Amino acid sequence: MPHIYHSWSRLGLGALMGTTALAGCGQSTSTQAPAAEPAAIEAPAVTAEALAAEAGPVGSVGGEGEGGVAIEQAATDPVVFNIALAVTEAHILAARDAFAAGEVGAAAEMFAHPVSEVLFDMEPVLQARGVTLFDELLTDASIAAASGETPDQISARTDGIIAALRAAALKAPDNGTAAIDVTVHVIDDMIERAVAMYRGASASGVYEPYLDGYGFHKVAETNFAAAREAITASNPEAAAAMANAIAALAVAYPDAAPQDVLPADISQLTVLASDVTLSVN
């Protein structure tokens, strides 16, 4: 099983803010490598496009790997709207926990990534729904993480961003889908993404997709914990499948730090994720 190294593409914040693509974090656009720890990885990088093709379109079954969101559907579909927010939250939780683990550079970039990957293209949708834009909270957190703030300060910034995400979720479009069904589909999407990123991290030996997947797992875990009783009442099969998948992902993603090995059975994770998808569709 490949090692998950500390390597991280050093993408300048200014350059990051300038890109409008919804490519995944795993696709580096920088030629500058970390000076202290050059990557010792021979395996080819797993691109966002490869993960997207593998996972399928957001808003139906699964997600588009790390960063893809069907923005054109977000204006009318509460599932897609909330998936976009969940993708952002996944980055924020991963950034907070990576920072606490001492991965300062990775944390700074994780805070910044959703601005170009999701929020840039979501801005017209958010504005149309009356959402107060919060991209500056992410860029400020990114700069703060790189500027020597303490874990407590970064955690407080994270709480502020999540509060903004919760406020935005209240303004999601309504197409008649029940709130619990929206939650179920968002959790399903996060589980699919977490498994896809674990597969990518295992194949490449790179830390970045592991950290992305860790964030998706944490969002699935926290959303399921908050809605478990309601999901069990409305769809006990889905609740059981989610509990199994999230428990396995907790083993696969023990923390946000780089891992020496990735021991989880990818085939098992894939089956468990598929069980969730089958139970909610």
Protein backbone atom coordinates (compact mmCIF):
# COMPACT_ATOMS: atom_id res chain seq x y z
CA MET A 1 0.00 0.00 0.00
CA PRO A 2 1.54 3.37 -1.01
CA HIS A 3 2.63 5.95 1.49
CA ILE A 4 0.67 9.18 1.75
CA TYR A 5 3.40 11.78 1.65
CA HIS A 6 3.37 15.33 2.96
CA SER A 7 3.77 16.77 -0.55
CA TRP A 8 1.34 19.55 -1.50
CA SER A 9 1.21 21.65 -4.65
CA ARG A 10 2.12 25.23 -3.75
CA LEU A 11 -0.57 27.13 -5.60
CA GLY A 12 -0.33 30.88 -5.06
CA LEU A 13 -3.46 32.37 -3.52
CA GLY A 14 -3.69 35.02 -6.21
CA ALA A 15 -3.51 32.41 -8.97
CA LEU A 16 -6.04 30.28 -7.16
CA MET A 17 -8.53 33.10 -6.94
CA GLY A 18 -8.13 33.72 -10.66
CA THR A 19 -9.19 30.28 -11.89
CA THR A 20 -12.86 29.56 -12.58
CA ALA A 21 -12.65 25.83 -13.29
CA LEU A 22 -14.44 23.33 -11.12
CA ALA A 23 -11.48 20.97 -11.28
CA GLY A 24 -10.63 19.00 -8.18
CA CYS A 25 -7.94 19.94 -5.70
CA GLY A 26 -5.92 16.95 -6.76
CA GLN A 27 -5.08 18.58 -10.09
CA SER A 28 -2.14 20.87 -9.45
CA THR A 29 -1.72 24.01 -11.55
CA SER A 30 1.57 25.01 -9.95
CA THR A 31 5.11 24.16 -11.03
CA GLN A 32 6.58 25.18 -7.70
CA ALA A 33 7.34 22.28 -5.37
CA PRO A 34 7.93 22.40 -1.61
CA ALA A 35 11.60 22.96 -0.92
CA ALA A 36 11.85 21.00 2.30
CA GLU A 37 10.06 17.82 1.28
CA PRO A 38 10.26 16.97 -2.42
CA ALA A 39 7.72 14.37 -3.46
CA ALA A 40 9.08 10.85 -3.73
CA ILE A 41 6.14 9.47 -5.62
CA GLU A 42 6.42 7.49 -8.81
CA ALA A 43 2.74 6.71 -9.26
CA PRO A 44 0.90 8.98 -11.71
CA ALA A 45 -1.31 11.65 -10.23
CA VAL A 46 -5.00 10.90 -10.13
CA THR A 47 -6.73 13.73 -11.93
CA ALA A 48 -10.04 15.29 -11.06
CA GLU A 49 -11.29 14.31 -14.51
CA ALA A 50 -10.58 10.64 -13.83
CA LEU A 51 -12.40 10.79 -10.52
CA ALA A 52 -15.28 12.67 -12.11
CA ALA A 53 -15.71 10.06 -14.82
CA GLU A 54 -15.63 7.34 -12.21
CA ALA A 55 -18.11 8.88 -9.80
CA GLY A 56 -20.76 10.24 -12.18
CA PRO A 57 -22.77 13.47 -12.24
CA VAL A 58 -23.60 15.33 -9.07
CA GLY A 59 -27.27 15.46 -8.23
CA SER A 60 -28.00 11.93 -9.36
CA VAL A 61 -25.87 9.07 -8.09
CA GLY A 62 -22.58 9.90 -6.43
CA GLY A 63 -20.51 12.98 -7.18
CA GLU A 64 -17.84 14.24 -9.51
CA GLY A 65 -14.88 13.13 -7.46
CA GLU A 66 -13.45 16.00 -5.48
CA GLY A 67 -14.74 19.31 -6.76
CA GLY A 68 -17.35 18.94 -9.50
CA VAL A 69 -20.82 20.35 -8.85
CA ALA A 70 -23.63 20.65 -11.40
CA ILE A 71 -23.98 24.39 -10.87
CA GLU A 72 -26.63 24.82 -13.57
CA GLN A 73 -28.98 22.60 -11.53
CA ALA A 74 -28.33 24.32 -8.20
CA ALA A 75 -30.76 27.16 -8.90
CA THR A 76 -33.75 24.82 -8.89
CA ASP A 77 -32.64 21.62 -7.17
CA PRO A 78 -32.22 21.73 -3.38
CA VAL A 79 -30.11 18.55 -3.45
CA VAL A 80 -27.54 20.04 -5.81
CA PHE A 81 -27.64 23.39 -3.99
CA ASN A 82 -26.89 21.66 -0.69
CA ILE A 83 -24.24 19.42 -2.25
CA ALA A 84 -22.38 22.57 -3.31
CA LEU A 85 -22.50 23.80 0.28
CA ALA A 86 -21.45 20.37 1.57
CA VAL A 87 -18.44 20.28 -0.77
CA THR A 88 -17.41 23.64 0.65
CA GLU A 89 -17.92 22.46 4.22
CA ALA A 90 -15.83 19.35 3.54
CA HIS A 91 -12.89 21.52 2.56
CA ILE A 92 -13.33 23.69 5.63
CA LEU A 93 -13.44 20.78 8.07
CA ALA A 94 -10.43 19.20 6.38
CA ALA A 95 -8.55 22.51 6.55
CA ARG A 96 -9.32 22.97 10.25
CA ASP A 97 -8.23 19.46 11.18
CA ALA A 98 -5.16 19.51 8.93
CA PHE A 99 -4.10 22.76 10.59
CA ALA A 100 -4.52 21.19 14.03
CA ALA A 101 -2.35 18.30 12.81
CA GLY A 102 0.43 20.71 11.84
CA GLU A 103 -0.22 20.68 8.08
CA VAL A 104 -0.25 24.46 7.76
CA GLY A 105 0.30 24.73 4.01
CA ALA A 106 -2.32 22.11 3.22
CA ALA A 107 -4.80 23.80 5.54
CA ALA A 108 -4.27 27.22 3.93
CA GLU A 109 -4.91 25.80 0.49
CA MET A 110 -7.93 23.77 1.57
CA PHE A 111 -9.57 26.90 2.96
CA ALA A 112 -9.02 28.66 -0.38
CA HIS A 113 -9.96 25.90 -2.81
CA PRO A 114 -13.78 26.14 -2.63
CA VAL A 115 -13.65 29.78 -3.68
CA SER A 116 -12.56 28.78 -7.19
CA GLU A 117 -13.95 25.25 -7.29
CA VAL A 118 -17.52 25.95 -6.15
CA LEU A 119 -18.31 29.44 -4.93
CA PHE A 120 -17.14 31.40 -7.98
CA ASP A 121 -19.67 29.67 -10.21
CA MET A 122 -22.28 29.43 -7.47
CA GLU A 123 -22.21 33.20 -6.86
CA PRO A 124 -25.11 34.06 -9.22
CA VAL A 125 -27.22 31.26 -7.70
CA LEU A 126 -26.44 32.36 -4.16
CA GLN A 127 -27.18 35.99 -4.93
CA ALA A 128 -30.46 35.08 -6.62
CA ARG A 129 -31.46 33.17 -3.49
CA GLY A 130 -30.63 36.15 -1.28
CA VAL A 131 -27.57 34.55 0.31
CA THR A 132 -24.96 36.87 1.77
CA LEU A 133 -21.75 35.89 0.00
CA PHE A 134 -19.10 34.44 2.27
CA ASP A 135 -16.13 33.71 0.01
CA GLU A 136 -14.08 36.34 1.84
CA LEU A 137 -14.41 34.30 5.03
CA LEU A 138 -12.61 31.45 3.27
CA THR A 139 -9.86 33.58 1.77
CA ASP A 140 -9.32 35.30 5.12
CA ALA A 141 -9.06 31.91 6.83
CA SER A 142 -6.58 30.76 4.21
CA ILE A 143 -4.39 33.79 4.78
CA ALA A 144 -4.74 33.46 8.55
CA ALA A 145 -3.70 29.81 8.47
CA ALA A 146 -0.56 30.72 6.55
CA SER A 147 0.14 33.69 8.84
CA GLY A 148 0.60 31.94 12.17
CA GLU A 149 -2.81 31.99 13.85
CA THR A 150 -3.41 29.42 16.58
CA PRO A 151 -5.54 26.28 16.17
CA ASP A 152 -8.19 27.87 18.39
CA GLN A 153 -8.32 30.95 16.17
CA ILE A 154 -8.56 28.82 13.04
CA SER A 155 -11.28 26.72 14.66
CA ALA A 156 -13.24 29.89 15.44
CA ARG A 157 -12.94 30.97 11.81
CA THR A 158 -14.16 27.54 10.76
CA ASP A 159 -17.20 27.90 13.00
CA GLY A 160 -17.98 31.23 11.37
CA ILE A 161 -17.79 29.74 7.88
CA ILE A 162 -20.00 26.80 8.83
CA ALA A 163 -22.55 29.22 10.32
CA ALA A 164 -22.59 31.02 6.96
CA LEU A 165 -23.11 27.70 5.18
CA ARG A 166 -26.01 26.86 7.48
CA ALA A 167 -27.59 30.24 6.77
CA ALA A 168 -27.17 29.67 3.04
CA ALA A 169 -28.81 26.23 3.29
CA LEU A 170 -31.95 27.86 4.66
CA LYS A 171 -32.33 29.64 1.31
CA ALA A 172 -32.07 26.55 -0.88
CA PRO A 173 -34.62 26.31 -3.71
CA ASP A 174 -37.77 24.30 -3.09
CA ASN A 175 -38.88 21.83 -5.76
CA GLY A 176 -41.06 19.79 -3.44
CA THR A 177 -38.35 17.42 -2.24
CA ALA A 178 -38.77 16.67 1.46
CA ALA A 179 -36.02 18.07 3.69
CA ILE A 180 -35.06 14.61 4.97
CA ASP A 181 -34.72 13.36 1.38
CA VAL A 182 -32.39 16.25 0.58
CA THR A 183 -30.26 15.32 3.59
CA VAL A 184 -30.21 11.65 2.59
CA HIS A 185 -29.00 12.45 -0.93
CA VAL A 186 -26.34 14.85 0.32
CA ILE A 187 -24.98 12.20 2.69
CA ASP A 188 -25.00 9.65 -0.14
CA ASP A 189 -23.03 12.07 -2.32
CA MET A 190 -20.47 12.75 0.41
CA ILE A 191 -19.94 9.03 1.00
CA GLU A 192 -19.43 8.43 -2.73
CA ARG A 193 -16.89 11.25 -2.88
CA ALA A 194 -15.04 10.01 0.21
CA VAL A 195 -14.66 6.55 -1.32
CA ALA A 196 -13.58 7.95 -4.71
CA MET A 197 -10.90 10.11 -3.07
CA TYR A 198 -9.64 7.22 -0.93
CA ARG A 199 -9.26 5.19 -4.10
CA GLY A 200 -7.35 8.06 -5.69
CA ALA A 201 -5.09 8.54 -2.67
CA SER A 202 -4.35 4.82 -2.53
CA ALA A 203 -3.43 4.73 -6.22
CA SER A 204 -1.25 7.85 -6.19
CA GLY A 205 0.29 7.96 -2.71
CA VAL A 206 -0.52 11.68 -2.54
CA TYR A 207 -1.81 13.41 0.59
CA GLU A 208 -4.14 15.83 -1.18
CA PRO A 209 -6.90 13.41 -2.25
CA TYR A 210 -6.73 11.76 1.16
CA LEU A 211 -7.39 15.09 2.84
CA ASP A 212 -10.23 15.86 0.44
CA GLY A 213 -11.78 12.47 1.21
CA TYR A 214 -11.35 13.02 4.91
CA GLY A 215 -13.43 16.19 4.62
CA PHE A 216 -16.19 14.43 2.68
CA HIS A 217 -16.27 11.68 5.29
CA LYS A 218 -16.56 14.21 8.14
CA VAL A 219 -19.49 15.98 6.45
CA ALA A 220 -21.26 12.65 5.88
CA GLU A 221 -20.59 11.66 9.48
CA THR A 222 -21.80 14.90 11.06
CA ASN A 223 -24.89 15.17 8.85
CA PHE A 224 -25.83 11.57 9.55
CA ALA A 225 -25.35 11.99 13.30
CA ALA A 226 -27.66 15.03 13.25
CA ALA A 227 -30.37 13.36 11.15
CA ARG A 228 -30.02 9.69 12.07
CA GLU A 229 -33.35 9.39 13.89
CA ALA A 230 -35.26 11.09 11.09
CA ILE A 231 -33.54 9.00 8.42
CA THR A 232 -34.25 5.82 10.36
CA ALA A 233 -37.91 6.76 10.60
CA SER A 234 -38.27 7.55 6.90
CA ASN A 235 -35.87 5.02 5.37
CA PRO A 236 -34.47 2.44 7.82
CA GLU A 237 -32.61 0.63 5.02
CA ALA A 238 -30.75 3.82 4.11
CA ALA A 239 -29.98 4.55 7.76
CA ALA A 240 -28.44 1.10 8.22
CA ALA A 241 -26.44 1.35 5.01
CA MET A 242 -25.17 4.82 5.93
CA ALA A 243 -24.16 3.68 9.41
CA ASN A 244 -22.14 0.82 7.91
CA ALA A 245 -20.45 2.97 5.29
CA ILE A 246 -19.61 5.81 7.68
CA ALA A 247 -18.18 3.37 10.24
CA ALA A 248 -15.90 1.92 7.56
CA LEU A 249 -14.88 5.39 6.40
CA ALA A 250 -13.99 6.32 9.98
CA VAL A 251 -11.43 3.51 9.90
CA ALA A 252 -10.21 4.55 6.45
CA TYR A 253 -9.86 8.18 7.54
CA PRO A 254 -8.65 8.06 11.17
CA ASP A 255 -7.51 11.70 11.16
CA ALA A 256 -6.50 14.54 8.87
CA ALA A 257 -2.74 13.93 9.03
CA PRO A 258 -0.80 12.24 6.23
CA GLN A 259 -0.95 8.46 6.65
CA ASP A 260 1.95 6.03 6.35
CA VAL A 261 -0.36 3.44 4.81
CA LEU A 262 -3.95 3.23 3.64
CA PRO A 263 -5.13 -0.15 4.91
CA ALA A 264 -8.85 0.01 4.19
CA ASP A 265 -10.34 -2.45 1.71
CA ILE A 266 -11.35 -0.29 -1.25
CA SER A 267 -13.62 -2.99 -2.66
CA GLN A 268 -15.49 -3.13 0.63
CA LEU A 269 -15.80 0.66 0.76
CA THR A 270 -17.14 0.67 -2.80
CA VAL A 271 -19.76 -1.96 -1.97
CA LEU A 272 -20.84 -0.11 1.17
CA ALA A 273 -21.17 3.15 -0.75
CA SER A 274 -23.18 1.37 -3.45
CA ASP A 275 -25.48 -0.03 -0.75
CA VAL A 276 -26.19 3.52 0.38
CA THR A 277 -26.92 4.72 -3.15
CA LEU A 278 -29.23 1.79 -3.86
CA SER A 279 -31.13 2.40 -0.64
CA VAL A 280 -31.83 6.06 -1.36
CA ASN A 281 -32.84 5.77 -5.01
